[in-house]
C-alpha atoms as a PDB file:
ATOM      1  CA  UNK A   1     154.669  22.047 208.470  1.00  0.00           C
ATOM      2  CA  UNK A   2     154.065  20.966 204.898  1.00  0.00           C
ATOM      3  CA  UNK A   3     150.711  19.341 205.882  1.00  0.00           C
ATOM      4  CA  UNK A   4     149.379  22.946 207.274  1.00  0.00           C
ATOM      5  CA  UNK A   5     150.879  24.375 204.404  1.00  0.00           C
ATOM      6  CA  UNK A   6     148.888  22.198 202.101  1.00  0.00           C
ATOM      7  CA  UNK A   7     146.050  23.062 204.169  1.00  0.00           C
ATOM      8  CA  UNK A   8     145.690  26.586 204.239  1.00  0.00           C
ATOM      9  CA  UNK A   9     146.293  26.111 200.972  1.00  0.00           C
ATOM     10  CA  UNK A  10     143.832  24.350 199.936  1.00  0.00           C
ATOM     11  CA  UNK A  11     141.159  25.671 201.748  1.00  0.00           C
ATOM     12  CA  UNK A  12     141.972  29.188 202.407  1.00  0.00           C
ATOM     13  CA  UNK A  13     141.755  31.461 199.061  1.00  0.00           C
ATOM     14  CA  UNK A  14     144.492  33.686 197.976  1.00  0.00           C
ATOM     15  CA  UNK A  15     143.154  37.410 197.560  1.00  0.00           C
ATOM     16  CA  UNK A  16     144.729  37.907 194.503  1.00  0.00           C
ATOM     17  CA  UNK A  17     143.255  35.459 193.060  1.00  0.00           C
ATOM     18  CA  UNK A  18     139.658  36.550 194.400  1.00  0.00           C
ATOM     19  CA  UNK A  19     140.350  39.916 193.447  1.00  0.00           C
ATOM     20  CA  UNK A  20     140.736  38.632 190.075  1.00  0.00           C
ATOM     21  CA  UNK A  21     138.456  36.818 189.986  1.00  0.00           C
ATOM     22  CA  UNK A  22     135.734  39.167 191.003  1.00  0.00           C
ATOM     23  CA  UNK A  23     137.083  42.231 188.908  1.00  0.00           C
ATOM     24  CA  UNK A  24     135.368  41.189 185.995  1.00  0.00           C
ATOM     25  CA  UNK A  25     131.840  40.479 187.070  1.00  0.00           C
ATOM     26  CA  UNK A  26     131.970  43.722 189.080  1.00  0.00           C
ATOM     27  CA  UNK A  27     132.416  45.829 185.888  1.00  0.00           C
ATOM     28  CA  UNK A  28     129.999  44.453 184.090  1.00  0.00           C
ATOM     29  CA  UNK A  29     127.441  45.052 186.610  1.00  0.00           C
ATOM     30  CA  UNK A  30     127.678  48.884 186.359  1.00  0.00           C
ATOM     31  CA  UNK A  31     127.910  49.234 182.724  1.00  0.00           C
ATOM     32  CA  UNK A  32     124.611  47.231 183.050  1.00  0.00           C
ATOM     33  CA  UNK A  33     123.187  49.980 185.537  1.00  0.00           C
ATOM     34  CA  UNK A  34     124.493  52.916 183.419  1.00  0.00           C
ATOM     35  CA  UNK A  35     122.515  51.980 180.169  1.00  0.00           C
ATOM     36  CA  UNK A  36     119.665  51.054 182.889  1.00  0.00           C
ATOM     37  CA  UNK A  37     119.250  54.409 184.243  1.00  0.00           C
ATOM     38  CA  UNK A  38     119.620  56.311 180.816  1.00  0.00           C
ATOM     39  CA  UNK A  39     116.818  53.965 179.125  1.00  0.00           C
ATOM     40  CA  UNK A  40     115.222  55.347 182.232  1.00  0.00           C
ATOM     41  CA  UNK A  41     115.551  58.942 181.838  1.00  0.00           C
ATOM     42  CA  UNK A  42     114.688  59.320 178.711  1.00  0.00           C
ATOM     43  CA  UNK A  43     110.601  58.513 178.780  1.00  0.00           C
ATOM     44  CA  UNK A  44     111.126  60.406 182.046  1.00  0.00           C
ATOM     45  CA  UNK A  45     112.541  63.525 179.980  1.00  0.00           C
ATOM     46  CA  UNK A  46     109.868  63.397 177.437  1.00  0.00           C
ATOM     47  CA  UNK A  47     106.438  63.049 180.128  1.00  0.00           C
ATOM     48  CA  UNK A  48     108.820  65.985 181.447  1.00  0.00           C
ATOM     49  CA  UNK A  49     108.819  68.442 178.301  1.00  0.00           C
ATOM     50  CA  UNK A  50     105.420  66.878 177.460  1.00  0.00           C
ATOM     51  CA  UNK A  51     104.074  68.075 181.013  1.00  0.00           C
ATOM     52  CA  UNK A  52     105.405  71.381 180.308  1.00  0.00           C
ATOM     53  CA  UNK A  53     104.382  71.770 177.283  1.00  0.00           C
ATOM     54  CA  UNK A  54     100.617  71.192 178.392  1.00  0.00           C
ATOM     55  CA  UNK A  55     101.518  73.266 180.719  1.00  0.00           C
ATOM     56  CA  UNK A  56     102.542  76.169 178.355  1.00  0.00           C
ATOM     57  CA  UNK A  57      99.924  75.558 175.686  1.00  0.00           C
ATOM     58  CA  UNK A  58      96.686  73.662 177.394  1.00  0.00           C
ATOM     59  CA  UNK A  59      96.704  71.700 174.413  1.00  0.00           C
ATOM     60  CA  UNK A  60      96.428  67.846 175.398  1.00  0.00           C
ATOM     61  CA  UNK A  61      95.478  66.674 171.895  1.00  0.00           C
ATOM     62  CA  UNK A  62      98.311  67.777 169.255  1.00  0.00           C
ATOM     63  CA  UNK A  63     101.494  67.382 172.164  1.00  0.00           C
ATOM     64  CA  UNK A  64     103.454  64.691 170.494  1.00  0.00           C
ATOM     65  CA  UNK A  65     104.786  61.045 172.409  1.00  0.00           C
ATOM     66  CA  UNK A  66     107.880  59.766 173.193  1.00  0.00           C
ATOM     67  CA  UNK A  67     109.789  62.925 171.542  1.00  0.00           C
ATOM     68  CA  UNK A  68     112.808  64.763 172.393  1.00  0.00           C
ATOM     69  CA  UNK A  69     113.113  67.776 173.882  1.00  0.00           C
ATOM     70  CA  UNK A  70     114.678  69.285 170.632  1.00  0.00           C
ATOM     71  CA  UNK A  71     111.512  67.918 168.113  1.00  0.00           C
ATOM     72  CA  UNK A  72     109.033  69.310 170.315  1.00  0.00           C
ATOM     73  CA  UNK A  73     110.315  72.488 170.641  1.00  0.00           C
ATOM     74  CA  UNK A  74     110.766  72.402 166.513  1.00  0.00           C
ATOM     75  CA  UNK A  75     107.729  71.401 166.417  1.00  0.00           C
ATOM     76  CA  UNK A  76     106.400  74.099 168.386  1.00  0.00           C
ATOM     77  CA  UNK A  77     108.021  76.493 166.512  1.00  0.00           C
ATOM     78  CA  UNK A  78     106.599  75.439 163.466  1.00  0.00           C
ATOM     79  CA  UNK A  79     103.068  75.727 165.078  1.00  0.00           C
ATOM     80  CA  UNK A  80     104.147  79.394 166.573  1.00  0.00           C
ATOM     81  CA  UNK A  81     105.192  80.246 162.199  1.00  0.00           C
ATOM     82  CA  UNK A  82     101.994  79.081 161.244  1.00  0.00           C
ATOM     83  CA  UNK A  83      99.987  80.436 163.819  1.00  0.00           C
ATOM     84  CA  UNK A  84     101.369  83.855 163.248  1.00  0.00           C
ATOM     85  CA  UNK A  85     100.841  83.616 159.905  1.00  0.00           C
ATOM     86  CA  UNK A  86      97.772  83.619 159.913  1.00  0.00           C
ATOM     87  CA  UNK A  87      97.289  85.909 162.658  1.00  0.00           C
ATOM     88  CA  UNK A  88      99.008  88.363 160.216  1.00  0.00           C
ATOM     89  CA  UNK A  89      96.133  87.672 157.877  1.00  0.00           C
ATOM     90  CA  UNK A  90      93.362  88.013 159.176  1.00  0.00           C
ATOM     91  CA  UNK A  91      94.554  91.690 160.511  1.00  0.00           C
ATOM     92  CA  UNK A  92      94.677  92.475 156.853  1.00  0.00           C
ATOM     93  CA  UNK A  93      91.679  91.227 156.454  1.00  0.00           C
ATOM     94  CA  UNK A  94      90.432  93.183 158.986  1.00  0.00           C
ATOM     95  CA  UNK A  95      92.327  96.039 157.532  1.00  0.00           C
ATOM     96  CA  UNK A  96      90.707  95.714 154.525  1.00  0.00           C
ATOM     97  CA  UNK A  97      87.149  95.561 156.039  1.00  0.00           C
ATOM     98  CA  UNK A  98      87.865  98.524 158.114  1.00  0.00           C
ATOM     99  CA  UNK A  99      89.193 100.204 155.201  1.00  0.00           C
ATOM    100  CA  UNK A 100      86.464  99.000 152.648  1.00  0.00           C
ATOM    101  CA  UNK A 101      83.955 100.572 155.570  1.00  0.00           C
ATOM    102  CA  UNK A 102      85.890 104.029 155.502  1.00  0.00           C
ATOM    103  CA  UNK A 103      85.323 104.157 152.177  1.00  0.00           C
ATOM    104  CA  UNK A 104      81.288 102.968 152.655  1.00  0.00           C
ATOM    105  CA  UNK A 105      81.073 106.054 154.999  1.00  0.00           C
ATOM    106  CA  UNK A 106      82.741 108.436 152.983  1.00  0.00           C
ATOM    107  CA  UNK A 107      80.506 107.838 149.710  1.00  0.00           C
ATOM    108  CA  UNK A 108      77.397 107.717 151.341  1.00  0.00           C
ATOM    109  CA  UNK A 109      76.893 111.735 151.331  1.00  0.00           C
ATOM    110  CA  UNK A 110      77.833 111.588 147.689  1.00  0.00           C
ATOM    111  CA  UNK A 111      75.450 109.437 146.847  1.00  0.00           C
ATOM    112  CA  UNK A 112      73.043 111.641 148.566  1.00  0.00           C
ATOM    113  CA  UNK A 113      74.138 114.418 146.638  1.00  0.00           C
ATOM    114  CA  UNK A 114      74.413 112.643 143.781  1.00  0.00           C
ATOM    115  CA  UNK A 115      71.294 111.220 143.877  1.00  0.00           C
ATOM    116  CA  UNK A 116      69.569 114.914 145.095  1.00  0.00           C
ATOM    117  CA  UNK A 117      70.888 116.016 141.687  1.00  0.00           C
ATOM    118  CA  UNK A 118      70.029 112.938 139.621  1.00  0.00           C
ATOM    119  CA  UNK A 119      65.913 114.052 140.653  1.00  0.00           C
ATOM    120  CA  UNK A 120      66.877 117.704 139.861  1.00  0.00           C
ATOM    121  CA  UNK A 121      68.219 116.704 136.525  1.00  0.00           C
ATOM    122  CA  UNK A 122      64.970 114.800 135.817  1.00  0.00           C
ATOM    123  CA  UNK A 123      62.890 117.675 137.032  1.00  0.00           C
ATOM    124  CA  UNK A 124      65.028 119.982 135.280  1.00  0.00           C
ATOM    125  CA  UNK A 125      64.482 117.885 131.176  1.00  0.00           C
ATOM    126  CA  UNK A 126      60.795 117.487 132.099  1.00  0.00           C
ATOM    127  CA  UNK A 127      60.250 121.077 132.326  1.00  0.00           C
ATOM    128  CA  UNK A 128      62.470 121.727 128.950  1.00  0.00           C
ATOM    129  CA  UNK A 129      60.044 118.845 127.669  1.00  0.00           C
ATOM    130  CA  UNK A 130      57.341 120.746 128.090  1.00  0.00           C
ATOM    131  CA  UNK A 131      58.504 123.499 127.029  1.00  0.00           C
ATOM    132  CA  UNK A 132      59.721 122.532 123.931  1.00  0.00           C
ATOM    133  CA  UNK A 133      56.454 120.089 123.306  1.00  0.00           C
ATOM    134  CA  UNK A 134      54.020 123.370 123.026  1.00  0.00           C
ATOM    135  CA  UNK A 135      56.541 124.890 121.385  1.00  0.00           C
ATOM    136  CA  UNK A 136      56.553 122.817 118.577  1.00  0.00           C
ATOM    137  CA  UNK A 137      53.334 122.484 118.711  1.00  0.00           C
ATOM    138  CA  UNK A 138      52.865 125.875 118.116  1.00  0.00           C
ATOM    139  CA  UNK A 139      55.377 125.302 115.265  1.00  0.00           C
ATOM    140  CA  UNK A 140      53.119 122.600 113.647  1.00  0.00           C
ATOM    141  CA  UNK A 141      50.008 124.766 113.904  1.00  0.00           C
ATOM    142  CA  UNK A 142      52.010 127.531 112.116  1.00  0.00           C
ATOM    143  CA  UNK A 143      53.737 125.314 109.599  1.00  0.00           C
ATOM    144  CA  UNK A 144      49.342 123.772 109.069  1.00  0.00           C
ATOM    145  CA  UNK A 145      48.486 127.928 107.970  1.00  0.00           C
ATOM    146  CA  UNK A 146      51.309 128.507 106.087  1.00  0.00           C
ATOM    147  CA  UNK A 147      51.055 125.155 103.679  1.00  0.00           C
ATOM    148  CA  UNK A 148      47.466 125.968 103.525  1.00  0.00           C
ATOM    149  CA  UNK A 149      47.978 129.809 102.230  1.00  0.00           C
ATOM    150  CA  UNK A 150      50.421 128.697 100.221  1.00  0.00           C
ATOM    151  CA  UNK A 151      47.988 125.940  98.380  1.00  0.00           C
ATOM    152  CA  UNK A 152      45.087 128.747  98.467  1.00  0.00           C
ATOM    153  CA  UNK A 153      47.766 131.318  95.858  1.00  0.00           C
ATOM    154  CA  UNK A 154      49.046 127.736  94.241  1.00  0.00           C
ATOM    155  CA  UNK A 155      45.315 127.458  93.242  1.00  0.00           C
ATOM    156  CA  UNK A 156      45.292 131.287  92.489  1.00  0.00           C
ATOM    157  CA  UNK A 157      47.861 131.477  90.242  1.00  0.00           C
ATOM    158  CA  UNK A 158      48.937 127.906  89.135  1.00  0.00           C
ATOM    159  CA  UNK A 159      47.299 128.105  85.394  1.00  0.00           C
ATOM    160  CA  UNK A 160      48.845 131.477  84.498  1.00  0.00           C
ATOM    161  CA  UNK A 161      52.093 130.548  85.994  1.00  0.00           C
ATOM    162  CA  UNK A 162      51.497 126.881  83.868  1.00  0.00           C
ATOM    163  CA  UNK A 163      51.174 128.847  80.656  1.00  0.00           C
ATOM    164  CA  UNK A 164      53.766 131.366  81.647  1.00  0.00           C
ATOM    165  CA  UNK A 165      56.429 128.327  82.423  1.00  0.00           C
ATOM    166  CA  UNK A 166      54.767 126.775  79.542  1.00  0.00           C
ATOM    167  CA  UNK A 167      55.292 129.321  76.676  1.00  0.00           C
ATOM    168  CA  UNK A 168      59.079 131.221  78.295  1.00  0.00           C
ATOM    169  CA  UNK A 169      57.351 133.949  79.865  1.00  0.00           C
ATOM    170  CA  UNK A 170      59.986 136.650  79.758  1.00  0.00           C
ATOM    171  CA  UNK A 171      58.272 137.820  83.060  1.00  0.00           C
ATOM    172  CA  UNK A 172      58.803 134.462  84.990  1.00  0.00           C
ATOM    173  CA  UNK A 173      62.661 133.343  85.002  1.00  0.00           C
ATOM    174  CA  UNK A 174      62.049 129.497  85.498  1.00  0.00           C
ATOM    175  CA  UNK A 175      62.127 126.942  83.085  1.00  0.00           C
ATOM    176  CA  UNK A 176      59.907 123.918  82.163  1.00  0.00           C
ATOM    177  CA  UNK A 177      62.389 120.568  82.097  1.00  0.00           C
ATOM    178  CA  UNK A 178      59.672 118.793  79.935  1.00  0.00           C
ATOM    179  CA  UNK A 179      60.032 121.493  77.489  1.00  0.00           C
ATOM    180  CA  UNK A 180      62.147 120.714  74.528  1.00  0.00           C
ATOM    181  CA  UNK A 181      63.160 124.152  73.313  1.00  0.00           C
ATOM    182  CA  UNK A 182      63.814 126.025  76.731  1.00  0.00           C
ATOM    183  CA  UNK A 183      66.324 128.221  76.303  1.00  0.00           C
ATOM    184  CA  UNK A 184      68.872 126.050  77.623  1.00  0.00           C
ATOM    185  CA  UNK A 185      67.619 123.355  75.368  1.00  0.00           C
ATOM    186  CA  UNK A 186      68.761 125.458  72.655  1.00  0.00           C
ATOM    187  CA  UNK A 187      72.186 126.073  73.894  1.00  0.00           C
ATOM    188  CA  UNK A 188      72.328 122.842  74.258  1.00  0.00           C
ATOM    189  CA  UNK A 189      71.203 121.777  70.763  1.00  0.00           C
ATOM    190  CA  UNK A 190      73.677 124.718  68.877  1.00  0.00           C
ATOM    191  CA  UNK A 191      76.976 123.472  71.202  1.00  0.00           C
ATOM    192  CA  UNK A 192      76.214 119.958  69.540  1.00  0.00           C
ATOM    193  CA  UNK A 193      76.114 121.568  66.125  1.00  0.00           C
ATOM    194  CA  UNK A 194      79.197 123.851  66.693  1.00  0.00           C
ATOM    195  CA  UNK A 195      80.795 120.637  67.978  1.00  0.00           C
ATOM    196  CA  UNK A 196      79.721 117.404  67.590  1.00  0.00           C
ATOM    197  CA  UNK A 197      78.404 118.255  63.799  1.00  0.00           C
ATOM    198  CA  UNK A 198      80.071 120.868  61.917  1.00  0.00           C
ATOM    199  CA  UNK A 199      83.809 119.074  62.502  1.00  0.00           C
ATOM    200  CA  UNK A 200      82.396 115.973  60.473  1.00  0.00           C
ATOM    201  CA  UNK A 201      80.944 118.029  57.841  1.00  0.00           C
ATOM    202  CA  UNK A 202      83.910 120.638  58.079  1.00  0.00           C
ATOM    203  CA  UNK A 203      86.460 117.377  57.337  1.00  0.00           C
ATOM    204  CA  UNK A 204      84.122 116.533  53.994  1.00  0.00           C
ATOM    205  CA  UNK A 205      84.433 119.877  52.523  1.00  0.00           C
ATOM    206  CA  UNK A 206      87.994 120.726  53.686  1.00  0.00           C
ATOM    207  CA  UNK A 207      89.006 117.183  51.473  1.00  0.00           C
ATOM    208  CA  UNK A 208      86.860 118.564  48.460  1.00  0.00           C
ATOM    209  CA  UNK A 209      88.719 121.649  48.552  1.00  0.00           C
ATOM    210  CA  UNK A 210      85.310 124.037  49.395  1.00  0.00           C
ATOM    211  CA  UNK A 211      86.140 127.493  50.419  1.00  0.00           C
ATOM    212  CA  UNK A 212      85.770 128.253  54.041  1.00  0.00           C
ATOM    213  CA  UNK A 213      84.163 131.801  52.731  1.00  0.00           C
ATOM    214  CA  UNK A 214      81.217 130.141  51.012  1.00  0.00           C
ATOM    215  CA  UNK A 215      80.533 127.942  53.721  1.00  0.00           C
ATOM    216  CA  UNK A 216      80.800 130.563  56.092  1.00  0.00           C
ATOM    217  CA  UNK A 217      78.264 132.644  54.204  1.00  0.00           C
ATOM    218  CA  UNK A 218      76.115 129.543  53.866  1.00  0.00           C
ATOM    219  CA  UNK A 219      75.541 129.249  57.595  1.00  0.00           C
ATOM    220  CA  UNK A 220      75.021 132.824  58.626  1.00  0.00           C
ATOM    221  CA  UNK A 221      72.421 133.106  55.624  1.00  0.00           C
ATOM    222  CA  UNK A 222      70.321 129.950  57.121  1.00  0.00           C
ATOM    223  CA  UNK A 223      70.308 130.976  60.082  1.00  0.00           C
ATOM    224  CA  UNK A 224      68.864 134.805  58.779  1.00  0.00           C
ATOM    225  CA  UNK A 225      66.401 133.355  56.786  1.00  0.00           C
ATOM    226  CA  UNK A 226      64.948 130.932  59.068  1.00  0.00           C
ATOM    227  CA  UNK A 227      65.131 134.456  61.688  1.00  0.00           C
ATOM    228  CA  UNK A 228      63.060 136.359  59.135  1.00  0.00           C
ATOM    229  CA  UNK A 229      60.808 134.023  57.765  1.00  0.00           C
ATOM    230  CA  UNK A 230      60.281 133.217  61.676  1.00  0.00           C
ATOM    231  CA  UNK A 231      59.015 136.608  62.550  1.00  0.00           C
ATOM    232  CA  UNK A 232      56.699 136.649  59.455  1.00  0.00           C
ATOM    233  CA  UNK A 233      54.919 133.912  60.790  1.00  0.00           C
ATOM    234  CA  UNK A 234      55.114 135.877  63.744  1.00  0.00           C
ATOM    235  CA  UNK A 235      53.147 138.883  62.628  1.00  0.00           C
ATOM    236  CA  UNK A 236      50.751 136.424  60.922  1.00  0.00           C
ATOM    237  CA  UNK A 237      49.499 135.291  65.052  1.00  0.00           C
ATOM    238  CA  UNK A 238      49.546 139.075  66.076  1.00  0.00           C
ATOM    239  CA  UNK A 239      46.839 139.657  62.985  1.00  0.00           C
ATOM    240  CA  UNK A 240      45.040 136.977  64.101  1.00  0.00           C
ATOM    241  CA  UNK A 241      44.357 138.008  67.963  1.00  0.00           C
ATOM    242  CA  UNK A 242      44.436 141.606  66.739  1.00  0.00           C
ATOM    243  CA  UNK A 243      47.782 143.089  68.202  1.00  0.00           C
ATOM    244  CA  UNK A 244      48.703 144.770  64.857  1.00  0.00           C
ATOM    245  CA  UNK A 245      50.440 148.199  65.581  1.00  0.00           C
ATOM    246  CA  UNK A 246      47.259 150.305  64.325  1.00  0.00           C
ATOM    247  CA  UNK A 247      45.177 148.486  67.254  1.00  0.00           C
ATOM    248  CA  UNK A 248      44.330 151.070  70.421  1.00  0.00           C
ATOM    249  CA  UNK A 249      43.957 150.344  74.141  1.00  0.00           C
ATOM    250  CA  UNK A 250      45.808 147.489  76.366  1.00  0.00           C
ATOM    251  CA  UNK A 251      46.053 144.183  75.120  1.00  0.00           C
ATOM    252  CA  UNK A 252      44.544 142.038  77.656  1.00  0.00           C
ATOM    253  CA  UNK A 253      47.592 139.850  79.642  1.00  0.00           C
ATOM    254  CA  UNK A 254      45.263 136.637  78.967  1.00  0.00           C
ATOM    255  CA  UNK A 255      45.514 137.347  74.807  1.00  0.00           C
ATOM    256  CA  UNK A 256      49.327 137.768  75.129  1.00  0.00           C
ATOM    257  CA  UNK A 257      50.198 134.709  76.969  1.00  0.00           C
ATOM    258  CA  UNK A 258      47.629 133.047  74.630  1.00  0.00           C
ATOM    259  CA  UNK A 259      49.840 134.394  71.776  1.00  0.00           C
ATOM    260  CA  UNK A 260      52.883 133.159  73.052  1.00  0.00           C
ATOM    261  CA  UNK A 261      51.585 130.187  73.506  1.00  0.00           C
ATOM    262  CA  UNK A 262      50.523 129.432  69.781  1.00  0.00           C
ATOM    263  CA  UNK A 263      54.206 131.126  69.171  1.00  0.00           C
ATOM    264  CA  UNK A 264      55.300 128.320  71.573  1.00  0.00           C
ATOM    265  CA  UNK A 265      52.919 125.588  69.037  1.00  0.00           C
ATOM    266  CA  UNK A 266      54.157 126.774  66.550  1.00  0.00           C
ATOM    267  CA  UNK A 267      57.835 125.921  67.497  1.00  0.00           C
ATOM    268  CA  UNK A 268      56.675 122.640  68.773  1.00  0.00           C
ATOM    269  CA  UNK A 269      55.754 122.003  65.399  1.00  0.00           C
ATOM    270  CA  UNK A 270      58.785 122.934  63.915  1.00  0.00           C
ATOM    271  CA  UNK A 271      61.115 120.919  66.399  1.00  0.00           C
ATOM    272  CA  UNK A 272      59.485 117.677  65.519  1.00  0.00           C
ATOM    273  CA  UNK A 273      59.304 117.615  62.006  1.00  0.00           C
ATOM    274  CA  UNK A 274      62.125 116.607  59.682  1.00  0.00           C
ATOM    275  CA  UNK A 275      64.870 119.337  59.647  1.00  0.00           C
ATOM    276  CA  UNK A 276      64.973 118.518  55.387  1.00  0.00           C
ATOM    277  CA  UNK A 277      61.797 119.513  55.002  1.00  0.00           C
ATOM    278  CA  UNK A 278      62.507 123.532  55.972  1.00  0.00           C
ATOM    279  CA  UNK A 279      64.477 123.951  53.882  1.00  0.00           C
ATOM    280  CA  UNK A 280      63.267 125.491  50.213  1.00  0.00           C
ATOM    281  CA  UNK A 281      64.847 123.362  47.442  1.00  0.00           C
ATOM    282  CA  UNK A 282      66.753 124.578  45.514  1.00  0.00           C
ATOM    283  CA  UNK A 283      68.904 126.413  48.466  1.00  0.00           C
ATOM    284  CA  UNK A 284      71.492 127.649  46.371  1.00  0.00           C
ATOM    285  CA  UNK A 285      72.145 129.608  43.506  1.00  0.00           C
ATOM    286  CA  UNK A 286      74.533 127.101  41.917  1.00  0.00           C
ATOM    287  CA  UNK A 287      73.960 123.954  43.313  1.00  0.00           C
ATOM    288  CA  UNK A 288      75.251 122.811  39.038  1.00  0.00           C
ATOM    289  CA  UNK A 289      79.114 123.344  39.995  1.00  0.00           C
ATOM    290  CA  UNK A 290      79.229 121.258  43.247  1.00  0.00           C
ATOM    291  CA  UNK A 291      79.799 117.129  43.496  1.00  0.00           C
ATOM    292  CA  UNK A 292      77.371 115.295  44.837  1.00  0.00           C
ATOM    293  CA  UNK A 293      79.060 114.486  48.247  1.00  0.00           C
ATOM    294  CA  UNK A 294      79.318 118.167  48.232  1.00  0.00           C
ATOM    295  CA  UNK A 295      75.865 118.943  48.114  1.00  0.00           C
ATOM    296  CA  UNK A 296      75.074 115.952  50.247  1.00  0.00           C
ATOM    297  CA  UNK A 297      77.162 117.803  53.292  1.00  0.00           C
ATOM    298  CA  UNK A 298      75.985 121.307  52.417  1.00  0.00           C
ATOM    299  CA  UNK A 299      72.830 120.322  53.024  1.00  0.00           C
ATOM    300  CA  UNK A 300      73.514 118.752  55.840  1.00  0.00           C
ATOM    301  CA  UNK A 301      74.475 122.310  57.256  1.00  0.00           C
ATOM    302  CA  UNK A 302      71.969 124.165  55.995  1.00  0.00           C
ATOM    303  CA  UNK A 303      69.099 121.836  57.244  1.00  0.00           C
ATOM    304  CA  UNK A 304      71.066 121.939  60.738  1.00  0.00           C
ATOM    305  CA  UNK A 305      71.028 125.991  60.702  1.00  0.00           C
ATOM    306  CA  UNK A 306      67.688 126.307  59.661  1.00  0.00           C
ATOM    307  CA  UNK A 307      65.675 123.823  61.952  1.00  0.00           C
ATOM    308  CA  UNK A 308      67.714 125.750  64.864  1.00  0.00           C
ATOM    309  CA  UNK A 309      67.720 128.667  63.599  1.00  0.00           C
ATOM    310  CA  UNK A 310      63.802 128.808  63.321  1.00  0.00           C
ATOM    311  CA  UNK A 311      63.227 127.383  66.562  1.00  0.00           C
ATOM    312  CA  UNK A 312      65.681 130.065  68.209  1.00  0.00           C
ATOM    313  CA  UNK A 313      63.532 133.127  66.393  1.00  0.00           C
ATOM    314  CA  UNK A 314      60.623 131.961  67.714  1.00  0.00           C
ATOM    315  CA  UNK A 315      62.370 132.042  71.750  1.00  0.00           C
ATOM    316  CA  UNK A 316      60.701 134.900  73.676  1.00  0.00           C
ATOM    317  CA  UNK A 317      63.150 136.254  73.669  1.00  0.00           C
ATOM    318  CA  UNK A 318      64.771 135.249  69.869  1.00  0.00           C
ATOM    319  CA  UNK A 319      68.456 134.047  69.952  1.00  0.00           C
ATOM    320  CA  UNK A 320      71.069 133.800  67.764  1.00  0.00           C
ATOM    321  CA  UNK A 321      74.434 133.540  67.312  1.00  0.00           C
ATOM    322  CA  UNK A 322      76.717 135.982  68.048  1.00  0.00           C
ATOM    323  CA  UNK A 323      78.023 136.581  65.054  1.00  0.00           C
ATOM    324  CA  UNK A 324      80.130 139.668  65.971  1.00  0.00           C
ATOM    325  CA  UNK A 325      82.600 138.186  68.076  1.00  0.00           C
ATOM    326  CA  UNK A 326      83.835 134.523  66.652  1.00  0.00           C
ATOM    327  CA  UNK A 327      87.183 133.929  67.246  1.00  0.00           C
ATOM    328  CA  UNK A 328      88.628 131.138  65.427  1.00  0.00           C
ATOM    329  CA  UNK A 329      91.403 130.614  67.026  1.00  0.00           C
ATOM    330  CA  UNK A 330      93.961 128.221  65.418  1.00  0.00           C
ATOM    331  CA  UNK A 331      91.648 127.030  62.841  1.00  0.00           C
ATOM    332  CA  UNK A 332      90.206 128.917  60.406  1.00  0.00           C
ATOM    333  CA  UNK A 333      87.778 126.485  60.038  1.00  0.00           C
ATOM    334  CA  UNK A 334      85.785 127.607  63.649  1.00  0.00           C
ATOM    335  CA  UNK A 335      82.719 129.443  61.611  1.00  0.00           C
ATOM    336  CA  UNK A 336      80.579 129.070  64.936  1.00  0.00           C
ATOM    337  CA  UNK A 337      80.019 131.724  67.667  1.00  0.00           C
ATOM    338  CA  UNK A 338      81.303 130.481  70.555  1.00  0.00           C
ATOM    339  CA  UNK A 339      78.365 131.910  72.099  1.00  0.00           C
ATOM    340  CA  UNK A 340      74.692 133.187  71.882  1.00  0.00           C
ATOM    341  CA  UNK A 341      72.678 136.106  72.388  1.00  0.00           C
ATOM    342  CA  UNK A 342      69.155 137.741  72.500  1.00  0.00           C
ATOM    343  CA  UNK A 343      67.826 139.319  69.923  1.00  0.00           C
END
């Protein structure tokens, strides 16, 4: 018995031991098979996704290889978004082109109307230019004719007019700007005497206690004596020209003009002479009672009054200070009238 048991134990395997010995190898084999199956499934799924993408898109070049379905989905979603953006941009460009074409079609009739209006405007301007050129030519012709008539008139009257202006004939209202003894110039000389020269002389006379009344009378006497002397000279000129009170008949206009020209020549002669030479000496009845300084100022005042009075008396018509309208104002030594008047 013991020998059989021994054989049995030596030759027959123990079921428990066999189960224990074979359990571990079987478990390892199953894990390896599972991993192998999973590794084989991933490429197979990728290939299936790729084939699906090709069948859907028809794109065989840009299909990602060895990607998971999730990655392929993300990839194509991005591509789809890009395509939609590009499509939207193209739609906007197409809309812009359509709008531009529509505007151009709308503007064509307006442009044609503008061109027609421009042609009509040019035609109107051409007609207007022609019309005004003709009118301008007519005006130039008329102006040329008037200039010729004016020149002819000037040639006829120029000598007489020049003589009238030079002599200060009353038939004309014109004055020669070059005439130093015209009425305007004589008025300026009188204002200069009254406003500039007389105040200086007045201060010297007042400081020497000279009478205001005597000075006033002296000034008026010088103007009056000058007027009387010039009147005497004009009568002498009238005798030379035969224009005396006893002469009969009408005096020719030329004779009157040359008579006035002679008086004007006398006036110009006095204008250029020294003022002191015109005074008679002595010009005062009792010069000895005044000092030399007073006599110097008296002579200066008297010579200015006599010289200016002579020029004013030879004017046509004669002029003189308006002695009847003296307004001395606040200064009683203002002995000269404000204005001069025609006699």
